Amino acid sequence: MAMANVKLGRQSSIQDSPRSPEAKLGMQVEDLWDVQEPELSPNDKLNACFESIPVSAFPVAPQGIEIKSDASLAEAVKILAQNKILSAPVVDVDAPEDATWMDRYIGIVEFAGIAVWILQQSEPSSPRSPSSPSGAESAMAANGMAFVAGLGALGPEGASITSGDFFEALTSSEFYKNTKVRDISGSFRWAPFLALQKSNTFLTMLLLLSKYKMKSVPVLDLDDGKIDNIITQSAVIHMLAECTGLHWFESWGSKKLSEIDLPTMSPKQIITVYEDEPVLQAFKLMRKKRIGGIPVIERGGGKAIGNISLRDVQFLLTTPDIYRDYRSITAKNFLIAVRNYLEKHEKRSPMLSGMITCKRDETVKELIQTLDSEKIQRVYVVDNDGNLEGVITLRDIISRLVHEPRGYFGDFFDGVLPLPENSRV
């Protein structure tokens, strides 16, 4: 339902303080909330509110980093690391100046995908562990990149390194320096990635991030054929955290996690790794199960001592106490080594906060504030004894904010599906 002439500036508990763009956006939802049909349920009212706001209203992330298709993997990793970002769109250098966005971009490359690929290429071939692109293929395809078979292995200069700066030695190999981003890129059927126009709605964006499991949603400016913004799950959670005090948010956020059926999985469904298992096992499980993080469990009990996420694969390549023995370091020692490294080199990092947990009787608002303040992707639910009961991700929270109306997307995905084999958005 379309709403016209919405007036901003509603009185609220956050009005007296300087309002961030996210808070102003929340107040726009507040005004829309008040004019919805009274017979609508709170959930339907939120759906209608978010369907009335275009994604162009979402604050633009100050990023704008793009990677050229002829950049080597080494150059791509350097760009991502220097800008402290996890992914970036890849621009086709051969595209004409007036190219459409579908011809301008060839995909989105992720740091974690490259790092996992590097590790796999360095693994020596064996009957139990044959050279295969399947693992890296899954990692790359997860955000629009597909691994191309036949690249071969790095050879002895990568596989035999057990000491020294593993990352520098590996990335100095001619194969790694000569492999271009475009050499390992694939595309969807008609588009390099699934994207939205600025006129699409918040509801569409939220559903793509939650139900359709996208990590981020590019927003296009069709006039110049370029990406105008990239909206992430974390950015949405931050927006929600900024809405504390607004009526629409409080009516939803005051609910206990158990009231909205979170967590969604039982303790037996949680994928875990024991503290004395090699940390590589954790990354292999994440890759195989296509999950972003995994708790480290103490041997002989059900308590978690920490969390390892897919983004932490970078520490296998950059932290001296880890890369010297990256194949055998245990999950527990990995956590310790990373924490020691971060205490010396980073003023703030989610891994310095230790294991973040919550209980079922906490409210949605409390959980959102924790996720936002700690800059983390997931929180583990524990019982009174500290045993794991479930996990709640950013996607789970967003999925409880909105629901997909019947037939909402229509033929929206027809031009994108089927995806490349072993791929998902």
Protein backbone atom coordinates (compact mmCIF):
# COMPACT_ATOMS: atom_id res chain seq x y z
CA MET A 1 0.00 0.00 0.00
CA ALA A 2 1.48 3.37 -1.01
CA MET A 3 1.63 6.25 1.44
CA ALA A 4 1.96 9.85 0.31
CA ASN A 5 3.14 13.05 2.00
CA VAL A 6 4.63 11.34 5.03
CA LYS A 7 5.76 13.98 7.51
CA LEU A 8 8.95 13.30 9.44
CA GLY A 9 9.90 14.72 12.81
CA ARG A 10 7.57 12.81 15.11
CA GLN A 11 8.02 13.32 18.86
CA SER A 12 9.91 10.41 20.39
CA SER A 13 12.31 9.54 23.15
CA ILE A 14 15.26 9.97 20.80
CA GLN A 15 14.18 13.28 19.26
CA ASP A 16 16.11 15.47 21.70
CA SER A 17 19.44 13.88 20.77
CA PRO A 18 21.24 14.27 17.42
CA ARG A 19 19.54 11.86 15.04
CA SER A 20 21.57 9.55 12.88
CA PRO A 21 20.36 8.74 9.35
CA GLU A 22 19.27 5.35 10.70
CA ALA A 23 17.22 6.97 13.48
CA LYS A 24 15.55 9.32 11.00
CA LEU A 25 14.66 6.32 8.91
CA GLY A 26 13.15 4.67 11.97
CA MET A 27 11.04 7.77 12.56
CA GLN A 28 9.78 7.51 9.00
CA VAL A 29 8.60 3.99 9.85
CA GLU A 30 7.05 5.46 13.01
CA ASP A 31 4.91 7.89 11.02
CA LEU A 32 3.85 5.17 8.62
CA TRP A 33 3.02 2.91 11.57
CA ASP A 34 0.53 5.44 12.94
CA VAL A 35 -1.48 5.72 9.71
CA GLN A 36 -1.83 2.01 9.01
CA GLU A 37 -5.25 0.40 9.11
CA PRO A 38 -6.10 -0.32 12.76
CA GLU A 39 -7.36 -3.83 12.02
CA LEU A 40 -3.93 -4.93 10.76
CA SER A 41 -1.80 -7.09 13.04
CA PRO A 42 1.48 -5.54 14.27
CA ASN A 43 3.40 -7.79 11.87
CA ASP A 44 1.23 -6.81 8.90
CA LYS A 45 1.61 -3.16 9.86
CA LEU A 46 5.39 -3.48 9.78
CA ASN A 47 5.22 -5.19 6.42
CA ALA A 48 3.10 -2.36 5.04
CA CYS A 49 5.50 0.24 6.48
CA PHE A 50 8.58 -1.33 4.93
CA GLU A 51 6.77 -1.84 1.62
CA SER A 52 6.16 1.93 1.55
CA ILE A 53 9.82 2.95 1.85
CA PRO A 54 12.25 2.71 -1.10
CA VAL A 55 15.73 1.28 -0.49
CA SER A 56 17.14 4.61 -1.71
CA ALA A 57 16.20 5.92 1.75
CA PHE A 58 18.72 3.60 3.42
CA PRO A 59 21.92 5.43 4.49
CA VAL A 60 24.67 4.99 1.92
CA ALA A 61 27.67 3.05 3.20
CA PRO A 62 30.94 5.01 2.81
CA GLN A 63 32.65 2.25 0.85
CA GLY A 64 32.69 2.54 -2.93
CA ILE A 65 35.57 0.08 -3.26
CA GLU A 66 35.60 -1.88 -6.51
CA ILE A 67 38.15 -4.40 -7.80
CA LYS A 68 39.12 -4.59 -11.45
CA SER A 69 38.72 -7.93 -13.19
CA ASP A 70 42.38 -7.98 -14.28
CA ALA A 71 43.63 -7.61 -10.69
CA SER A 72 45.55 -10.61 -9.40
CA LEU A 73 44.28 -12.49 -6.38
CA ALA A 74 47.21 -11.01 -4.42
CA GLU A 75 46.13 -7.49 -5.40
CA ALA A 76 42.48 -8.25 -4.54
CA VAL A 77 43.42 -9.50 -1.07
CA LYS A 78 45.58 -6.41 -0.50
CA ILE A 79 42.73 -4.07 -1.48
CA LEU A 80 40.24 -5.83 0.80
CA ALA A 81 42.69 -5.95 3.71
CA GLN A 82 43.79 -2.30 3.41
CA ASN A 83 40.20 -1.08 3.32
CA LYS A 84 39.15 -3.50 6.09
CA ILE A 85 36.23 -4.85 4.08
CA LEU A 86 35.17 -8.45 3.51
CA SER A 87 33.93 -8.22 -0.07
CA ALA A 88 33.77 -5.93 -3.10
CA PRO A 89 32.17 -5.91 -6.55
CA VAL A 90 34.38 -6.83 -9.50
CA VAL A 91 34.36 -4.51 -12.54
CA ASP A 92 35.00 -5.86 -16.03
CA VAL A 93 37.88 -3.77 -17.41
CA ASP A 94 36.84 -4.66 -20.97
CA ALA A 95 33.34 -3.25 -20.57
CA PRO A 96 32.63 -0.07 -22.58
CA GLU A 97 32.19 3.24 -20.79
CA ASP A 98 28.43 3.26 -21.40
CA ALA A 99 27.93 -0.38 -20.38
CA THR A 100 24.86 -1.42 -18.43
CA TRP A 101 25.42 -2.67 -14.90
CA MET A 102 25.07 -6.27 -16.06
CA ASP A 103 27.96 -5.77 -18.48
CA ARG A 104 29.99 -3.60 -16.11
CA TYR A 105 30.18 -6.09 -13.20
CA ILE A 106 31.17 -9.75 -13.26
CA GLY A 107 30.42 -10.59 -9.63
CA ILE A 108 31.35 -9.99 -6.01
CA VAL A 109 34.60 -11.33 -4.60
CA GLU A 110 34.98 -12.21 -0.91
CA PHE A 111 38.11 -12.21 1.21
CA ALA A 112 37.05 -15.43 2.91
CA GLY A 113 36.48 -17.10 -0.44
CA ILE A 114 39.97 -16.23 -1.64
CA ALA A 115 41.54 -17.27 1.66
CA VAL A 116 39.80 -20.65 1.62
CA TRP A 117 40.90 -21.10 -1.99
CA ILE A 118 44.51 -20.31 -1.04
CA LEU A 119 44.48 -22.88 1.74
CA GLN A 120 42.97 -25.54 -0.48
CA GLN A 121 45.57 -24.96 -3.20
CA SER A 122 48.33 -25.37 -0.62
CA GLU A 123 47.06 -28.75 0.54
CA PRO A 124 49.20 -31.67 -0.74
CA SER A 125 47.36 -34.22 -2.85
CA SER A 126 46.65 -37.58 -1.25
CA PRO A 127 44.27 -40.49 -1.82
CA ARG A 128 42.14 -39.18 1.07
CA SER A 129 42.39 -35.56 0.03
CA PRO A 130 42.52 -35.34 -3.77
CA SER A 131 42.88 -32.03 -5.51
CA SER A 132 39.37 -30.81 -6.14
CA PRO A 133 37.76 -27.43 -6.72
CA SER A 134 34.56 -28.32 -4.91
CA GLY A 135 35.38 -26.68 -1.56
CA ALA A 136 36.61 -23.43 -3.06
CA GLU A 137 33.77 -23.58 -5.55
CA SER A 138 31.27 -23.50 -2.72
CA ALA A 139 33.06 -20.65 -0.97
CA MET A 140 33.30 -18.53 -4.09
CA ALA A 141 29.80 -19.29 -5.32
CA ALA A 142 28.26 -18.24 -2.02
CA ASN A 143 28.28 -14.62 -3.15
CA GLY A 144 28.17 -14.83 -6.90
CA MET A 145 31.65 -16.18 -7.63
CA ALA A 146 32.19 -19.65 -9.07
CA PHE A 147 35.49 -21.52 -9.05
CA VAL A 148 36.72 -22.64 -12.47
CA ALA A 149 38.12 -26.16 -12.49
CA GLY A 150 41.52 -26.92 -13.94
CA LEU A 151 43.60 -24.25 -12.22
CA GLY A 152 45.83 -26.91 -10.69
CA ALA A 153 47.77 -26.76 -7.43
CA LEU A 154 50.39 -24.32 -6.29
CA GLY A 155 52.99 -27.03 -6.11
CA PRO A 156 55.74 -27.65 -3.54
CA GLU A 157 56.46 -24.01 -2.86
CA GLY A 158 53.02 -23.74 -1.24
CA ALA A 159 52.51 -27.21 0.19
CA SER A 160 55.89 -27.61 1.88
CA ILE A 161 55.94 -24.36 3.85
CA THR A 162 55.73 -25.06 7.58
CA SER A 163 57.50 -22.02 9.04
CA GLY A 164 58.17 -18.39 8.30
CA ASP A 165 55.63 -16.02 6.78
CA PHE A 166 53.29 -18.51 5.13
CA PHE A 167 51.07 -15.82 3.64
CA GLU A 168 53.90 -13.88 1.99
CA ALA A 169 55.57 -17.04 0.69
CA LEU A 170 52.34 -18.38 -0.73
CA THR A 171 51.26 -15.14 -2.34
CA SER A 172 54.69 -14.63 -3.88
CA SER A 173 54.20 -17.72 -6.07
CA GLU A 174 53.90 -16.96 -9.78
CA PHE A 175 50.67 -18.93 -10.02
CA TYR A 176 48.99 -16.85 -7.33
CA LYS A 177 50.28 -13.56 -8.71
CA ASN A 178 49.27 -14.46 -12.26
CA THR A 179 45.77 -15.72 -11.45
CA LYS A 180 43.33 -12.89 -12.11
CA VAL A 181 40.07 -12.31 -10.34
CA ARG A 182 38.23 -12.89 -13.62
CA ASP A 183 39.88 -16.32 -13.94
CA ILE A 184 37.87 -17.62 -11.01
CA SER A 185 34.68 -15.66 -11.59
CA GLY A 186 31.35 -16.90 -12.78
CA SER A 187 27.99 -15.26 -13.15
CA PHE A 188 24.31 -15.82 -12.75
CA ARG A 189 22.18 -16.63 -15.75
CA TRP A 190 21.66 -13.03 -16.82
CA ALA A 191 23.27 -10.97 -14.10
CA PRO A 192 26.59 -10.92 -12.21
CA PHE A 193 24.71 -10.83 -8.92
CA LEU A 194 21.22 -10.28 -7.61
CA ALA A 195 20.65 -6.58 -7.10
CA LEU A 196 17.91 -4.05 -6.39
CA GLN A 197 17.01 -0.76 -8.00
CA LYS A 198 16.70 2.29 -5.78
CA SER A 199 12.94 2.24 -6.29
CA ASN A 200 12.58 -1.27 -4.84
CA THR A 201 11.24 -1.41 -1.32
CA PHE A 202 12.63 -2.08 2.12
CA LEU A 203 10.43 -5.13 2.35
CA THR A 204 12.05 -6.68 -0.72
CA MET A 205 15.51 -5.93 0.66
CA LEU A 206 14.72 -7.38 4.10
CA LEU A 207 13.29 -10.57 2.61
CA LEU A 208 16.38 -11.07 0.43
CA LEU A 209 18.64 -10.69 3.47
CA SER A 210 16.59 -13.05 5.62
CA LYS A 211 14.46 -15.63 3.84
CA TYR A 212 16.62 -15.72 0.70
CA LYS A 213 19.88 -15.79 2.66
CA MET A 214 21.81 -13.05 0.91
CA LYS A 215 24.78 -11.68 2.83
CA SER A 216 24.42 -8.24 1.28
CA VAL A 217 22.21 -6.55 -1.30
CA PRO A 218 23.71 -4.19 -3.92
CA VAL A 219 21.48 -1.24 -4.84
CA LEU A 220 21.89 0.04 -8.39
CA ASP A 221 21.78 3.47 -9.94
CA LEU A 222 20.48 2.57 -13.39
CA ASP A 223 21.27 6.02 -14.80
CA ASP A 224 25.03 5.48 -14.60
CA GLY A 225 24.99 1.68 -14.47
CA LYS A 226 26.85 1.53 -11.16
CA ILE A 227 26.29 0.32 -7.61
CA ASP A 228 24.92 3.14 -5.47
CA ASN A 229 24.92 1.30 -2.15
CA ILE A 230 25.49 -2.12 -0.61
CA ILE A 231 23.15 -2.96 2.27
CA THR A 232 24.35 -5.64 4.67
CA GLN A 233 22.64 -7.57 7.44
CA SER A 234 24.84 -5.73 9.95
CA ALA A 235 23.70 -2.36 8.58
CA VAL A 236 20.05 -3.35 9.05
CA ILE A 237 20.72 -4.46 12.63
CA HIS A 238 22.43 -1.12 13.31
CA MET A 239 19.41 0.69 11.90
CA LEU A 240 17.15 -1.26 14.25
CA ALA A 241 19.40 -0.53 17.23
CA GLU A 242 19.12 3.20 16.44
CA CYS A 243 15.32 2.94 16.62
CA THR A 244 15.25 2.27 20.37
CA GLY A 245 12.52 4.37 21.96
CA LEU A 246 10.24 4.49 18.92
CA HIS A 247 6.80 3.01 19.44
CA TRP A 248 6.87 0.59 16.50
CA PHE A 249 10.26 -0.75 17.53
CA GLU A 250 9.44 -1.05 21.23
CA SER A 251 6.18 -2.93 20.51
CA TRP A 252 8.20 -5.51 18.57
CA GLY A 253 11.52 -5.36 20.40
CA SER A 254 10.04 -5.84 23.86
CA LYS A 255 9.08 -9.43 23.02
CA LYS A 256 11.15 -12.19 24.57
CA LEU A 257 13.13 -14.43 22.23
CA SER A 258 10.99 -17.39 23.23
CA GLU A 259 7.85 -15.45 22.21
CA ILE A 260 9.03 -15.19 18.61
CA ASP A 261 10.30 -18.78 18.49
CA LEU A 262 14.01 -18.06 18.68
CA PRO A 263 16.31 -19.87 18.51
CA THR A 264 14.92 -21.96 15.65
CA MET A 265 17.18 -24.99 16.08
CA SER A 266 17.61 -27.58 18.82
CA PRO A 267 20.95 -28.16 20.58
CA LYS A 268 21.46 -31.35 18.53
CA GLN A 269 21.26 -29.34 15.29
CA ILE A 270 24.12 -26.99 16.19
CA ILE A 271 27.30 -27.73 14.23
CA THR A 272 30.23 -27.66 16.66
CA VAL A 273 33.94 -28.43 16.86
CA TYR A 274 35.80 -29.66 19.93
CA GLU A 275 38.51 -27.50 21.47
CA ASP A 276 41.25 -30.08 20.79
CA GLU A 277 40.35 -30.63 17.12
CA PRO A 278 42.45 -28.93 14.40
CA VAL A 279 41.05 -25.51 13.57
CA LEU A 280 41.03 -26.50 9.90
CA GLN A 281 38.22 -28.88 10.82
CA ALA A 282 36.12 -25.88 11.85
CA PHE A 283 36.63 -24.15 8.50
CA LYS A 284 35.97 -27.38 6.60
CA LEU A 285 32.69 -27.81 8.47
CA MET A 286 31.67 -24.24 7.77
CA ARG A 287 32.43 -24.72 4.10
CA LYS A 288 30.63 -28.08 3.92
CA LYS A 289 27.56 -26.98 5.86
CA ARG A 290 27.55 -23.48 4.34
CA ILE A 291 27.40 -21.67 7.65
CA GLY A 292 29.21 -18.53 8.75
CA GLY A 293 30.35 -19.55 12.21
CA ILE A 294 30.84 -22.47 14.54
CA PRO A 295 31.15 -22.73 18.35
CA VAL A 296 34.19 -24.34 19.96
CA ILE A 297 33.06 -26.85 22.60
CA GLU A 298 35.02 -28.13 25.56
CA ARG A 299 35.81 -31.83 25.37
CA GLY A 300 33.46 -33.91 27.51
CA GLY A 301 30.89 -31.16 28.04
CA GLY A 302 28.34 -28.98 26.32
CA LYS A 303 29.80 -25.56 27.11
CA ALA A 304 31.28 -23.37 24.41
CA ILE A 305 34.58 -21.60 25.00
CA GLY A 306 34.51 -19.44 21.88
CA ASN A 307 33.27 -18.92 18.34
CA ILE A 308 35.12 -19.15 15.02
CA SER A 309 33.62 -17.48 11.95
CA LEU A 310 34.45 -17.88 8.29
CA ARG A 311 36.00 -14.41 8.25
CA ASP A 312 38.57 -15.64 10.80
CA VAL A 313 40.21 -17.75 8.09
CA GLN A 314 42.33 -14.66 7.40
CA PHE A 315 44.21 -15.27 10.68
CA LEU A 316 45.46 -18.59 9.30
CA LEU A 317 47.35 -16.53 6.76
CA THR A 318 48.42 -13.45 8.69
CA THR A 319 49.09 -14.34 12.33
CA PRO A 320 52.63 -15.66 13.02
CA ASP A 321 51.65 -18.03 15.87
CA ILE A 322 49.07 -19.61 13.57
CA TYR A 323 50.46 -19.77 10.03
CA ARG A 324 53.66 -21.46 11.19
CA ASP A 325 51.61 -24.50 12.17
CA TYR A 326 48.30 -23.81 10.49
CA ARG A 327 47.54 -27.45 9.65
CA SER A 328 47.72 -28.76 13.22
CA ILE A 329 46.85 -25.85 15.50
CA THR A 330 43.80 -26.71 17.59
CA ALA A 331 40.60 -24.69 17.71
CA LYS A 332 41.32 -23.65 21.31
CA ASN A 333 44.90 -22.57 20.57
CA PHE A 334 43.64 -20.74 17.48
CA LEU A 335 41.29 -18.68 19.66
CA ILE A 336 44.12 -17.93 22.10
CA ALA A 337 46.59 -16.98 19.37
CA VAL A 338 44.10 -14.71 17.61
CA ARG A 339 43.15 -13.00 20.86
CA ASN A 340 46.82 -12.39 21.74
CA TYR A 341 47.44 -11.01 18.25
CA LEU A 342 44.44 -8.69 18.37
CA GLU A 343 45.34 -7.36 21.82
CA LYS A 344 48.62 -6.15 20.33
CA HIS A 345 47.38 -4.90 16.96
CA GLU A 346 43.66 -4.03 17.22
CA LYS A 347 41.97 -1.62 19.59
CA ARG A 348 38.61 -3.29 19.06
CA SER A 349 37.56 -6.61 17.62
CA PRO A 350 34.60 -8.96 18.21
CA MET A 351 37.03 -11.76 19.10
CA LEU A 352 38.36 -9.74 22.04
CA SER A 353 34.93 -9.84 23.66
CA GLY A 354 35.07 -13.58 24.16
CA MET A 355 32.03 -15.81 23.83
CA ILE A 356 28.86 -13.71 23.56
CA THR A 357 25.77 -15.54 24.84
CA CYS A 358 22.19 -14.84 25.80
CA LYS A 359 19.18 -16.63 27.31
CA ARG A 360 15.71 -17.29 25.97
CA ASP A 361 14.08 -14.79 28.33
CA GLU A 362 16.03 -11.85 26.93
CA THR A 363 14.18 -9.44 24.67
CA VAL A 364 14.65 -8.88 20.96
CA LYS A 365 15.77 -5.32 21.71
CA GLU A 366 18.46 -6.52 24.11
CA LEU A 367 19.73 -8.99 21.53
CA ILE A 368 19.81 -6.38 18.75
CA GLN A 369 21.74 -3.98 20.97
CA THR A 370 24.25 -6.73 21.76
CA LEU A 371 24.71 -7.71 18.12
CA ASP A 372 25.20 -4.07 17.14
CA SER A 373 27.49 -2.98 19.97
CA GLU A 374 29.71 -6.07 19.73
CA LYS A 375 29.73 -6.03 15.90
CA ILE A 376 29.04 -9.75 15.72
CA GLN A 377 27.02 -11.93 13.37
CA ARG A 378 25.55 -14.43 15.83
CA VAL A 379 24.78 -14.99 19.50
CA TYR A 380 24.63 -18.39 21.20
CA VAL A 381 21.72 -19.19 23.49
CA VAL A 382 22.67 -20.99 26.70
CA ASP A 383 20.83 -22.44 29.71
CA ASN A 384 21.51 -21.51 33.32
CA ASP A 385 24.48 -23.90 33.41
CA GLY A 386 26.07 -22.40 30.29
CA ASN A 387 25.22 -25.31 28.00
CA LEU A 388 24.36 -24.49 24.38
CA GLU A 389 20.68 -24.40 23.54
CA GLY A 390 20.78 -22.73 20.14
CA VAL A 391 22.21 -19.97 17.96
CA ILE A 392 20.59 -16.78 16.69
CA THR A 393 21.98 -14.95 13.66
CA LEU A 394 21.33 -11.53 12.17
CA ARG A 395 19.25 -13.26 9.51
CA ASP A 396 17.03 -14.86 12.18
CA ILE A 397 16.27 -11.46 13.70
CA ILE A 398 15.39 -9.88 10.35
CA SER A 399 13.19 -12.86 9.48
CA ARG A 400 11.08 -12.15 12.58
CA LEU A 401 10.66 -8.51 11.59
CA VAL A 402 8.85 -9.13 8.29
CA HIS A 403 7.16 -11.95 6.38
CA GLU A 404 6.73 -12.63 2.68
CA PRO A 405 3.18 -11.98 1.45
CA ARG A 406 1.72 -14.66 -0.79
CA GLY A 407 2.99 -14.28 -4.36
CA TYR A 408 5.07 -11.24 -3.38
CA PHE A 409 8.07 -11.88 -5.64
CA GLY A 410 6.09 -13.20 -8.62
CA ASP A 411 8.57 -13.69 -11.46
CA PHE A 412 11.28 -11.61 -9.72
CA PHE A 413 13.76 -14.53 -9.73
CA ASP A 414 12.99 -15.87 -13.20
CA GLY A 415 15.87 -14.02 -14.82
CA VAL A 416 18.35 -15.15 -12.18
CA LEU A 417 17.61 -18.85 -11.70
CA PRO A 418 18.87 -21.45 -12.19
CA LEU A 419 22.09 -20.62 -10.39
CA PRO A 420 25.46 -22.14 -11.30
CA GLU A 421 25.95 -25.63 -9.92
CA ASN A 422 26.76 -25.71 -6.18
CA SER A 423 25.88 -22.04 -5.92
CA ARG A 424 23.43 -20.02 -3.88
CA VAL A 425 22.67 -16.35 -3.38
